[in-house]
Amino acid sequence: MNGKPKCIIVTEEIAAQRHLQRGLANPRREFYHSDKRVSLYRATGEIGTPGQYVAPNLDVPTLYVLTENDYSPSLDEITHQIQSQMPETPMDN
């Protein structure tokens, strides 16, 4: 979780397809996010040119999860990493 390695989370094409799938699954998304990709797809059947993804740059510990197939690291590994970073509390004893 330390540092921010340079890595490709997913390709722009995969990100665009996932973005479109979320928009098609939730009609309100278009309204609340001013999302034109779904409107374009409905009107033309085209996904549209994907833009470059820019990850948020926050000064907090960051865990990069690859999602192209399954989660890597797995959800169990993610849970373990998070729990191992948490300080003990009096209730833990």
PDB file of N, CA and C in Angstrom:
ATOM      1  N   MET A   1       0.811  -1.196   0.000  1.00  0.00           N
ATOM      2  CA  MET A   1       0.000   0.000   0.000  1.00  0.00           C
ATOM      3  C   MET A   1       0.855   1.261   0.000  1.00  0.00           C
ATOM      4  N   ASN A   2       2.139   1.126   0.119  1.00  0.00           N
ATOM      5  CA  ASN A   2       2.989   2.305   0.163  1.00  0.00           C
ATOM      6  C   ASN A   2       3.397   2.705  -1.235  1.00  0.00           C
ATOM      7  N   GLY A   3       3.447   3.992  -1.481  1.00  0.00           N
ATOM      8  CA  GLY A   3       3.874   4.482  -2.776  1.00  0.00           C
ATOM      9  C   GLY A   3       2.824   4.300  -3.842  1.00  0.00           C
ATOM     10  N   LYS A   4       3.118   4.853  -4.985  1.00  0.00           N
ATOM     11  CA  LYS A   4       2.192   4.746  -6.109  1.00  0.00           C
ATOM     12  C   LYS A   4       2.971   4.229  -7.306  1.00  0.00           C
ATOM     13  N   PRO A   5       2.956   2.911  -7.517  1.00  0.00           N
ATOM     14  CA  PRO A   5       3.691   2.375  -8.650  1.00  0.00           C
ATOM     15  C   PRO A   5       3.047   2.792  -9.958  1.00  0.00           C
ATOM     16  N   LYS A   6       3.869   2.887 -10.987  1.00  0.00           N
ATOM     17  CA  LYS A   6       3.320   3.172 -12.309  1.00  0.00           C
ATOM     18  C   LYS A   6       2.844   1.852 -12.893  1.00  0.00           C
ATOM     19  N   CYS A   7       1.568   1.773 -13.157  1.00  0.00           N
ATOM     20  CA  CYS A   7       1.030   0.560 -13.758  1.00  0.00           C
ATOM     21  C   CYS A   7      -0.238   0.913 -14.513  1.00  0.00           C
ATOM     22  N   ILE A   8      -0.569   0.084 -15.470  1.00  0.00           N
ATOM     23  CA  ILE A   8      -1.815   0.262 -16.207  1.00  0.00           C
ATOM     24  C   ILE A   8      -2.889  -0.509 -15.455  1.00  0.00           C
ATOM     25  N   ILE A   9      -3.884   0.202 -14.976  1.00  0.00           N
ATOM     26  CA  ILE A   9      -4.957  -0.450 -14.246  1.00  0.00           C
ATOM     27  C   ILE A   9      -5.795  -1.268 -15.226  1.00  0.00           C
ATOM     28  N   VAL A  10      -6.318  -0.657 -16.236  1.00  0.00           N
ATOM     29  CA  VAL A  10      -6.976  -1.322 -17.369  1.00  0.00           C
ATOM     30  C   VAL A  10      -6.716  -0.449 -18.586  1.00  0.00           C
ATOM     31  N   THR A  11      -6.934  -1.013 -19.755  1.00  0.00           N
ATOM     32  CA  THR A  11      -6.762  -0.217 -20.967  1.00  0.00           C
ATOM     33  C   THR A  11      -7.894   0.800 -21.072  1.00  0.00           C
ATOM     34  N   GLU A  12      -7.678   1.828 -21.868  1.00  0.00           N
ATOM     35  CA  GLU A  12      -8.716   2.836 -22.077  1.00  0.00           C
ATOM     36  C   GLU A  12      -9.976   2.208 -22.670  1.00  0.00           C
ATOM     37  N   GLU A  13      -9.794   1.212 -23.550  1.00  0.00           N
ATOM     38  CA  GLU A  13     -10.941   0.563 -24.178  1.00  0.00           C
ATOM     39  C   GLU A  13     -11.776  -0.191 -23.142  1.00  0.00           C
ATOM     40  N   ILE A  14     -11.110  -0.929 -22.254  1.00  0.00           N
ATOM     41  CA  ILE A  14     -11.839  -1.670 -21.212  1.00  0.00           C
ATOM     42  C   ILE A  14     -12.546  -0.693 -20.290  1.00  0.00           C
ATOM     43  N   ALA A  15     -11.866   0.383 -19.913  1.00  0.00           N
ATOM     44  CA  ALA A  15     -12.482   1.384 -19.037  1.00  0.00           C
ATOM     45  C   ALA A  15     -13.714   1.993 -19.704  1.00  0.00           C
ATOM     46  N   ALA A  16     -13.627   2.286 -21.008  1.00  0.00           N
ATOM     47  CA  ALA A  16     -14.766   2.862 -21.729  1.00  0.00           C
ATOM     48  C   ALA A  16     -15.931   1.881 -21.792  1.00  0.00           C
ATOM     49  N   GLN A  17     -15.637   0.608 -22.020  1.00  0.00           N
ATOM     50  CA  GLN A  17     -16.704  -0.399 -22.069  1.00  0.00           C
ATOM     51  C   GLN A  17     -17.379  -0.545 -20.702  1.00  0.00           C
ATOM     52  N   ARG A  18     -16.583  -0.565 -19.644  1.00  0.00           N
ATOM     53  CA  ARG A  18     -17.160  -0.676 -18.296  1.00  0.00           C
ATOM     54  C   ARG A  18     -17.993   0.555 -17.964  1.00  0.00           C
ATOM     55  N   HIS A  19     -17.498   1.709 -18.350  1.00  0.00           N
ATOM     56  CA  HIS A  19     -18.207   2.960 -18.122  1.00  0.00           C
ATOM     57  C   HIS A  19     -19.561   2.931 -18.816  1.00  0.00           C
ATOM     58  N   LEU A  20     -19.562   2.462 -20.067  1.00  0.00           N
ATOM     59  CA  LEU A  20     -20.802   2.356 -20.830  1.00  0.00           C
ATOM     60  C   LEU A  20     -21.756   1.351 -20.180  1.00  0.00           C
ATOM     61  N   GLN A  21     -21.240   0.207 -19.751  1.00  0.00           N
ATOM     62  CA  GLN A  21     -22.086  -0.805 -19.107  1.00  0.00           C
ATOM     63  C   GLN A  21     -22.755  -0.249 -17.851  1.00  0.00           C
ATOM     64  N   ARG A  22     -21.995   0.498 -17.039  1.00  0.00           N
ATOM     65  CA  ARG A  22     -22.586   1.096 -15.835  1.00  0.00           C
ATOM     66  C   ARG A  22     -23.669   2.097 -16.211  1.00  0.00           C
ATOM     67  N   GLY A  23     -23.428   2.868 -17.247  1.00  0.00           N
ATOM     68  CA  GLY A  23     -24.414   3.847 -17.688  1.00  0.00           C
ATOM     69  C   GLY A  23     -25.682   3.209 -18.225  1.00  0.00           C
ATOM     70  N   LEU A  24     -25.535   2.132 -18.981  1.00  0.00           N
ATOM     71  CA  LEU A  24     -26.706   1.435 -19.507  1.00  0.00           C
ATOM     72  C   LEU A  24     -27.494   0.747 -18.399  1.00  0.00           C
ATOM     73  N   ALA A  25     -26.791   0.283 -17.367  1.00  0.00           N
ATOM     74  CA  ALA A  25     -27.453  -0.414 -16.265  1.00  0.00           C
ATOM     75  C   ALA A  25     -28.193   0.537 -15.326  1.00  0.00           C
ATOM     76  N   ASN A  26     -27.790   1.810 -15.322  1.00  0.00           N
ATOM     77  CA  ASN A  26     -28.401   2.775 -14.402  1.00  0.00           C
ATOM     78  C   ASN A  26     -28.729   4.056 -15.162  1.00  0.00           C
ATOM     79  N   PRO A  27     -29.982   4.230 -15.585  1.00  0.00           N
ATOM     80  CA  PRO A  27     -30.368   5.400 -16.382  1.00  0.00           C
ATOM     81  C   PRO A  27     -30.120   6.734 -15.667  1.00  0.00           C
ATOM     82  N   ARG A  28     -30.123   6.746 -14.361  1.00  0.00           N
ATOM     83  CA  ARG A  28     -29.890   8.004 -13.629  1.00  0.00           C
ATOM     84  C   ARG A  28     -28.445   8.475 -13.720  1.00  0.00           C
ATOM     85  N   ARG A  29     -27.544   7.553 -13.992  1.00  0.00           N
ATOM     86  CA  ARG A  29     -26.121   7.891 -14.078  1.00  0.00           C
ATOM     87  C   ARG A  29     -25.882   8.994 -15.116  1.00  0.00           C
ATOM     88  N   GLU A  30     -26.570   8.890 -16.232  1.00  0.00           N
ATOM     89  CA  GLU A  30     -26.432   9.888 -17.301  1.00  0.00           C
ATOM     90  C   GLU A  30     -26.768  11.287 -16.791  1.00  0.00           C
ATOM     91  N   PHE A  31     -27.841  11.386 -16.052  1.00  0.00           N
ATOM     92  CA  PHE A  31     -28.284  12.678 -15.530  1.00  0.00           C
ATOM     93  C   PHE A  31     -27.316  13.216 -14.485  1.00  0.00           C
ATOM     94  N   TYR A  32     -26.962  12.392 -13.522  1.00  0.00           N
ATOM     95  CA  TYR A  32     -26.144  12.870 -12.408  1.00  0.00           C
ATOM     96  C   TYR A  32     -24.679  13.087 -12.770  1.00  0.00           C
ATOM     97  N   HIS A  33     -24.191  12.405 -13.788  1.00  0.00           N
ATOM     98  CA  HIS A  33     -22.785  12.538 -14.164  1.00  0.00           C
ATOM     99  C   HIS A  33     -22.586  13.296 -15.471  1.00  0.00           C
ATOM    100  N   SER A  34     -23.646  13.854 -16.024  1.00  0.00           N
ATOM    101  CA  SER A  34     -23.560  14.526 -17.331  1.00  0.00           C
ATOM    102  C   SER A  34     -22.830  13.644 -18.337  1.00  0.00           C
ATOM    103  N   ASP A  35     -23.206  12.390 -18.336  1.00  0.00           N
ATOM    104  CA  ASP A  35     -22.515  11.374 -19.112  1.00  0.00           C
ATOM    105  C   ASP A  35     -23.100  11.298 -20.514  1.00  0.00           C
ATOM    106  N   LYS A  36     -22.328  11.670 -21.505  1.00  0.00           N
ATOM    107  CA  LYS A  36     -22.807  11.663 -22.891  1.00  0.00           C
ATOM    108  C   LYS A  36     -22.468  10.372 -23.623  1.00  0.00           C
ATOM    109  N   ARG A  37     -21.592   9.535 -23.050  1.00  0.00           N
ATOM    110  CA  ARG A  37     -21.211   8.281 -23.713  1.00  0.00           C
ATOM    111  C   ARG A  37     -22.429   7.381 -23.921  1.00  0.00           C
ATOM    112  N   VAL A  38     -23.316   7.314 -22.941  1.00  0.00           N
ATOM    113  CA  VAL A  38     -24.494   6.461 -23.048  1.00  0.00           C
ATOM    114  C   VAL A  38     -25.437   7.011 -24.116  1.00  0.00           C
ATOM    115  N   SER A  39     -25.650   8.326 -24.135  1.00  0.00           N
ATOM    116  CA  SER A  39     -26.506   8.940 -25.154  1.00  0.00           C
ATOM    117  C   SER A  39     -25.957   8.667 -26.551  1.00  0.00           C
ATOM    118  N   LEU A  40     -24.657   8.822 -26.714  1.00  0.00           N
ATOM    119  CA  LEU A  40     -24.014   8.563 -28.004  1.00  0.00           C
ATOM    120  C   LEU A  40     -24.235   7.112 -28.419  1.00  0.00           C
ATOM    121  N   TYR A  41     -24.058   6.182 -27.485  1.00  0.00           N
ATOM    122  CA  TYR A  41     -24.233   4.759 -27.792  1.00  0.00           C
ATOM    123  C   TYR A  41     -25.680   4.460 -28.189  1.00  0.00           C
ATOM    124  N   ARG A  42     -26.612   5.025 -27.452  1.00  0.00           N
ATOM    125  CA  ARG A  42     -28.024   4.783 -27.768  1.00  0.00           C
ATOM    126  C   ARG A  42     -28.386   5.344 -29.143  1.00  0.00           C
ATOM    127  N   ALA A  43     -27.818   6.482 -29.494  1.00  0.00           N
ATOM    128  CA  ALA A  43     -28.157   7.131 -30.765  1.00  0.00           C
ATOM    129  C   ALA A  43     -27.439   6.493 -31.957  1.00  0.00           C
ATOM    130  N   THR A  44     -26.191   6.050 -31.760  1.00  0.00           N
ATOM    131  CA  THR A  44     -25.383   5.610 -32.901  1.00  0.00           C
ATOM    132  C   THR A  44     -24.897   4.168 -32.815  1.00  0.00           C
ATOM    133  N   GLY A  45     -24.936   3.582 -31.620  1.00  0.00           N
ATOM    134  CA  GLY A  45     -24.374   2.239 -31.438  1.00  0.00           C
ATOM    135  C   GLY A  45     -22.870   2.242 -31.281  1.00  0.00           C
ATOM    136  N   GLU A  46     -22.271   3.426 -31.230  1.00  0.00           N
ATOM    137  CA  GLU A  46     -20.818   3.543 -31.085  1.00  0.00           C
ATOM    138  C   GLU A  46     -20.454   3.794 -29.631  1.00  0.00           C
ATOM    139  N   ILE A  47     -19.355   3.182 -29.210  1.00  0.00           N
ATOM    140  CA  ILE A  47     -18.895   3.373 -27.827  1.00  0.00           C
ATOM    141  C   ILE A  47     -18.258   4.750 -27.669  1.00  0.00           C
ATOM    142  N   GLY A  48     -17.669   5.264 -28.689  1.00  0.00           N
ATOM    143  CA  GLY A  48     -17.004   6.562 -28.604  1.00  0.00           C
ATOM    144  C   GLY A  48     -15.531   6.374 -28.286  1.00  0.00           C
ATOM    145  N   THR A  49     -14.769   7.374 -28.591  1.00  0.00           N
ATOM    146  CA  THR A  49     -13.327   7.313 -28.365  1.00  0.00           C
ATOM    147  C   THR A  49     -13.041   7.437 -26.880  1.00  0.00           C
ATOM    148  N   PRO A  50     -12.357   6.440 -26.321  1.00  0.00           N
ATOM    149  CA  PRO A  50     -12.050   6.525 -24.892  1.00  0.00           C
ATOM    150  C   PRO A  50     -10.993   7.569 -24.618  1.00  0.00           C
ATOM    151  N   GLY A  51     -11.158   8.260 -23.513  1.00  0.00           N
ATOM    152  CA  GLY A  51     -10.150   9.211 -23.082  1.00  0.00           C
ATOM    153  C   GLY A  51      -9.143   8.525 -22.197  1.00  0.00           C
ATOM    154  N   GLN A  52      -8.044   9.191 -21.943  1.00  0.00           N
ATOM    155  CA  GLN A  52      -7.021   8.634 -21.075  1.00  0.00           C
ATOM    156  C   GLN A  52      -7.492   8.727 -19.628  1.00  0.00           C
ATOM    157  N   TYR A  53      -7.366   7.634 -18.900  1.00  0.00           N
ATOM    158  CA  TYR A  53      -7.746   7.620 -17.490  1.00  0.00           C
ATOM    159  C   TYR A  53      -6.642   8.259 -16.668  1.00  0.00           C
ATOM    160  N   VAL A  54      -7.024   9.172 -15.812  1.00  0.00           N
ATOM    161  CA  VAL A  54      -6.084   9.798 -14.896  1.00  0.00           C
ATOM    162  C   VAL A  54      -6.533   9.435 -13.490  1.00  0.00           C
ATOM    163  N   ALA A  55      -5.710   8.642 -12.811  1.00  0.00           N
ATOM    164  CA  ALA A  55      -6.047   8.199 -11.460  1.00  0.00           C
ATOM    165  C   ALA A  55      -6.013   9.383 -10.494  1.00  0.00           C
ATOM    166  N   PRO A  56      -6.879   9.357  -9.496  1.00  0.00           N
ATOM    167  CA  PRO A  56      -6.842  10.423  -8.488  1.00  0.00           C
ATOM    168  C   PRO A  56      -5.475  10.450  -7.815  1.00  0.00           C
ATOM    169  N   ASN A  57      -4.995  11.632  -7.541  1.00  0.00           N
ATOM    170  CA  ASN A  57      -3.697  11.785  -6.885  1.00  0.00           C
ATOM    171  C   ASN A  57      -3.946  12.317  -5.480  1.00  0.00           C
ATOM    172  N   LEU A  58      -4.095  11.390  -4.537  1.00  0.00           N
ATOM    173  CA  LEU A  58      -4.398  11.752  -3.160  1.00  0.00           C
ATOM    174  C   LEU A  58      -3.227  11.377  -2.263  1.00  0.00           C
ATOM    175  N   ASP A  59      -2.998  12.160  -1.252  1.00  0.00           N
ATOM    176  CA  ASP A  59      -1.899  11.895  -0.326  1.00  0.00           C
ATOM    177  C   ASP A  59      -2.375  10.931   0.767  1.00  0.00           C
ATOM    178  N   VAL A  60      -2.721   9.731   0.351  1.00  0.00           N
ATOM    179  CA  VAL A  60      -3.183   8.681   1.259  1.00  0.00           C
ATOM    180  C   VAL A  60      -2.606   7.355   0.766  1.00  0.00           C
ATOM    181  N   PRO A  61      -2.518   6.361   1.644  1.00  0.00           N
ATOM    182  CA  PRO A  61      -2.056   5.053   1.172  1.00  0.00           C
ATOM    183  C   PRO A  61      -2.972   4.559   0.062  1.00  0.00           C
ATOM    184  N   THR A  62      -2.382   3.993  -0.959  1.00  0.00           N
ATOM    185  CA  THR A  62      -3.142   3.576  -2.129  1.00  0.00           C
ATOM    186  C   THR A  62      -2.850   2.121  -2.446  1.00  0.00           C
ATOM    187  N   LEU A  63      -3.869   1.383  -2.717  1.00  0.00           N
ATOM    188  CA  LEU A  63      -3.737  -0.012  -3.123  1.00  0.00           C
ATOM    189  C   LEU A  63      -4.225  -0.118  -4.556  1.00  0.00           C
ATOM    190  N   TYR A  64      -3.364  -0.560  -5.448  1.00  0.00           N
ATOM    191  CA  TYR A  64      -3.745  -0.735  -6.838  1.00  0.00           C
ATOM    192  C   TYR A  64      -4.268  -2.152  -7.034  1.00  0.00           C
ATOM    193  N   VAL A  65      -5.432  -2.265  -7.641  1.00  0.00           N
ATOM    194  CA  VAL A  65      -6.066  -3.559  -7.869  1.00  0.00           C
ATOM    195  C   VAL A  65      -6.285  -3.723  -9.365  1.00  0.00           C
ATOM    196  N   LEU A  66      -5.709  -4.765  -9.919  1.00  0.00           N
ATOM    197  CA  LEU A  66      -5.921  -5.073 -11.325  1.00  0.00           C
ATOM    198  C   LEU A  66      -7.256  -5.792 -11.442  1.00  0.00           C
ATOM    199  N   THR A  67      -8.080  -5.383 -12.391  1.00  0.00           N
ATOM    200  CA  THR A  67      -9.445  -5.912 -12.480  1.00  0.00           C
ATOM    201  C   THR A  67      -9.777  -6.480 -13.853  1.00  0.00           C
ATOM    202  N   GLU A  68      -8.787  -6.695 -14.686  1.00  0.00           N
ATOM    203  CA  GLU A  68      -9.075  -7.130 -16.054  1.00  0.00           C
ATOM    204  C   GLU A  68      -9.755  -8.497 -16.078  1.00  0.00           C
ATOM    205  N   ASN A  69      -9.320  -9.418 -15.256  1.00  0.00           N
ATOM    206  CA  ASN A  69      -9.974 -10.731 -15.155  1.00  0.00           C
ATOM    207  C   ASN A  69     -10.609 -10.831 -13.773  1.00  0.00           C
ATOM    208  N   ASP A  70      -9.885 -11.368 -12.825  1.00  0.00           N
ATOM    209  CA  ASP A  70     -10.330 -11.364 -11.433  1.00  0.00           C
ATOM    210  C   ASP A  70      -9.594 -10.243 -10.718  1.00  0.00           C
ATOM    211  N   TYR A  71      -9.970  -9.993  -9.474  1.00  0.00           N
ATOM    212  CA  TYR A  71      -9.231  -8.999  -8.701  1.00  0.00           C
ATOM    213  C   TYR A  71      -7.837  -9.535  -8.381  1.00  0.00           C
ATOM    214  N   SER A  72      -6.830  -8.711  -8.578  1.00  0.00           N
ATOM    215  CA  SER A  72      -5.466  -9.061  -8.215  1.00  0.00           C
ATOM    216  C   SER A  72      -4.832  -7.833  -7.580  1.00  0.00           C
ATOM    217  N   PRO A  73      -4.588  -7.847  -6.277  1.00  0.00           N
ATOM    218  CA  PRO A  73      -4.742  -8.962  -5.347  1.00  0.00           C
ATOM    219  C   PRO A  73      -6.208  -9.308  -5.114  1.00  0.00           C
ATOM    220  N   SER A  74      -6.423 -10.514  -4.593  1.00  0.00           N
ATOM    221  CA  SER A  74      -7.787 -10.999  -4.353  1.00  0.00           C
ATOM    222  C   SER A  74      -8.446 -10.195  -3.231  1.00  0.00           C
ATOM    223  N   LEU A  75      -9.761 -10.331  -3.115  1.00  0.00           N
ATOM    224  CA  LEU A  75     -10.473  -9.623  -2.041  1.00  0.00           C
ATOM    225  C   LEU A  75      -9.971 -10.050  -0.671  1.00  0.00           C
ATOM    226  N   ASP A  76      -9.641 -11.335  -0.503  1.00  0.00           N
ATOM    227  CA  ASP A  76      -9.087 -11.792   0.779  1.00  0.00           C
ATOM    228  C   ASP A  76      -7.745 -11.123   1.065  1.00  0.00           C
ATOM    229  N   GLU A  77      -6.897 -11.002   0.037  1.00  0.00           N
ATOM    230  CA  GLU A  77      -5.594 -10.346   0.216  1.00  0.00           C
ATOM    231  C   GLU A  77      -5.777  -8.859   0.519  1.00  0.00           C
ATOM    232  N   ILE A  78      -6.725  -8.231  -0.136  1.00  0.00           N
ATOM    233  CA  ILE A  78      -7.001  -6.818   0.119  1.00  0.00           C
ATOM    234  C   ILE A  78      -7.450  -6.637   1.567  1.00  0.00           C
ATOM    235  N   THR A  79      -8.382  -7.491   2.005  1.00  0.00           N
ATOM    236  CA  THR A  79      -8.876  -7.430   3.384  1.00  0.00           C
ATOM    237  C   THR A  79      -7.732  -7.598   4.367  1.00  0.00           C
ATOM    238  N   HIS A  80      -6.872  -8.578   4.118  1.00  0.00           N
ATOM    239  CA  HIS A  80      -5.738  -8.826   5.006  1.00  0.00           C
ATOM    240  C   HIS A  80      -4.807  -7.614   5.054  1.00  0.00           C
ATOM    241  N   GLN A  81      -4.511  -7.033   3.895  1.00  0.00           N
ATOM    242  CA  GLN A  81      -3.631  -5.858   3.852  1.00  0.00           C
ATOM    243  C   GLN A  81      -4.212  -4.695   4.645  1.00  0.00           C
ATOM    244  N   ILE A  82      -5.490  -4.445   4.484  1.00  0.00           N
ATOM    245  CA  ILE A  82      -6.141  -3.338   5.185  1.00  0.00           C
ATOM    246  C   ILE A  82      -6.134  -3.600   6.682  1.00  0.00           C
ATOM    247  N   GLN A  83      -6.523  -4.802   7.066  1.00  0.00           N
ATOM    248  CA  GLN A  83      -6.575  -5.122   8.490  1.00  0.00           C
ATOM    249  C   GLN A  83      -5.198  -5.093   9.133  1.00  0.00           C
ATOM    250  N   SER A  84      -4.159  -5.478   8.399  1.00  0.00           N
ATOM    251  CA  SER A  84      -2.809  -5.464   8.965  1.00  0.00           C
ATOM    252  C   SER A  84      -2.277  -4.044   9.151  1.00  0.00           C
ATOM    253  N   GLN A  85      -2.870  -3.068   8.465  1.00  0.00           N
ATOM    254  CA  GLN A  85      -2.455  -1.664   8.575  1.00  0.00           C
ATOM    255  C   GLN A  85      -3.193  -0.923   9.687  1.00  0.00           C
ATOM    256  N   MET A  86      -4.254  -1.539  10.217  1.00  0.00           N
ATOM    257  CA  MET A  86      -5.069  -0.867  11.215  1.00  0.00           C
ATOM    258  C   MET A  86      -4.432  -1.002  12.595  1.00  0.00           C
ATOM    259  N   PRO A  87      -4.389   0.094  13.359  1.00  0.00           N
ATOM    260  CA  PRO A  87      -3.834   0.011  14.720  1.00  0.00           C
ATOM    261  C   PRO A  87      -4.756  -0.802  15.631  1.00  0.00           C
ATOM    262  N   GLU A  88      -4.148  -1.445  16.632  1.00  0.00           N
ATOM    263  CA  GLU A  88      -4.952  -2.190  17.603  1.00  0.00           C
ATOM    264  C   GLU A  88      -5.707  -1.216  18.488  1.00  0.00           C
ATOM    265  N   THR A  89      -6.881  -1.645  18.903  1.00  0.00           N
ATOM    266  CA  THR A  89      -7.677  -0.845  19.823  1.00  0.00           C
ATOM    267  C   THR A  89      -7.853  -1.639  21.114  1.00  0.00           C
ATOM    268  N   PRO A  90      -8.245  -0.986  22.207  1.00  0.00           N
ATOM    269  CA  PRO A  90      -8.443  -1.730  23.461  1.00  0.00           C
ATOM    270  C   PRO A  90      -9.449  -2.870  23.321  1.00  0.00           C
ATOM    271  N   MET A  91     -10.387  -2.760  22.397  1.00  0.00           N
ATOM    272  CA  MET A  91     -11.396  -3.808  22.220  1.00  0.00           C
ATOM    273  C   MET A  91     -10.806  -5.044  21.562  1.00  0.00           C
ATOM    274  N   ASP A  92      -9.609  -4.926  20.902  1.00  0.00           N
ATOM    275  CA  ASP A  92      -8.973  -6.061  20.243  1.00  0.00           C
ATOM    276  C   ASP A  92      -8.366  -7.030  21.255  1.00  0.00           C
ATOM    277  N   ASN A  93      -8.120  -6.583  22.463  1.00  0.00           N
ATOM    278  CA  ASN A  93      -7.451  -7.429  23.467  1.00  0.00           C
ATOM    279  C   ASN A  93      -8.412  -8.175  24.328  1.00  0.00           C
TER     280      ASN A  93
END
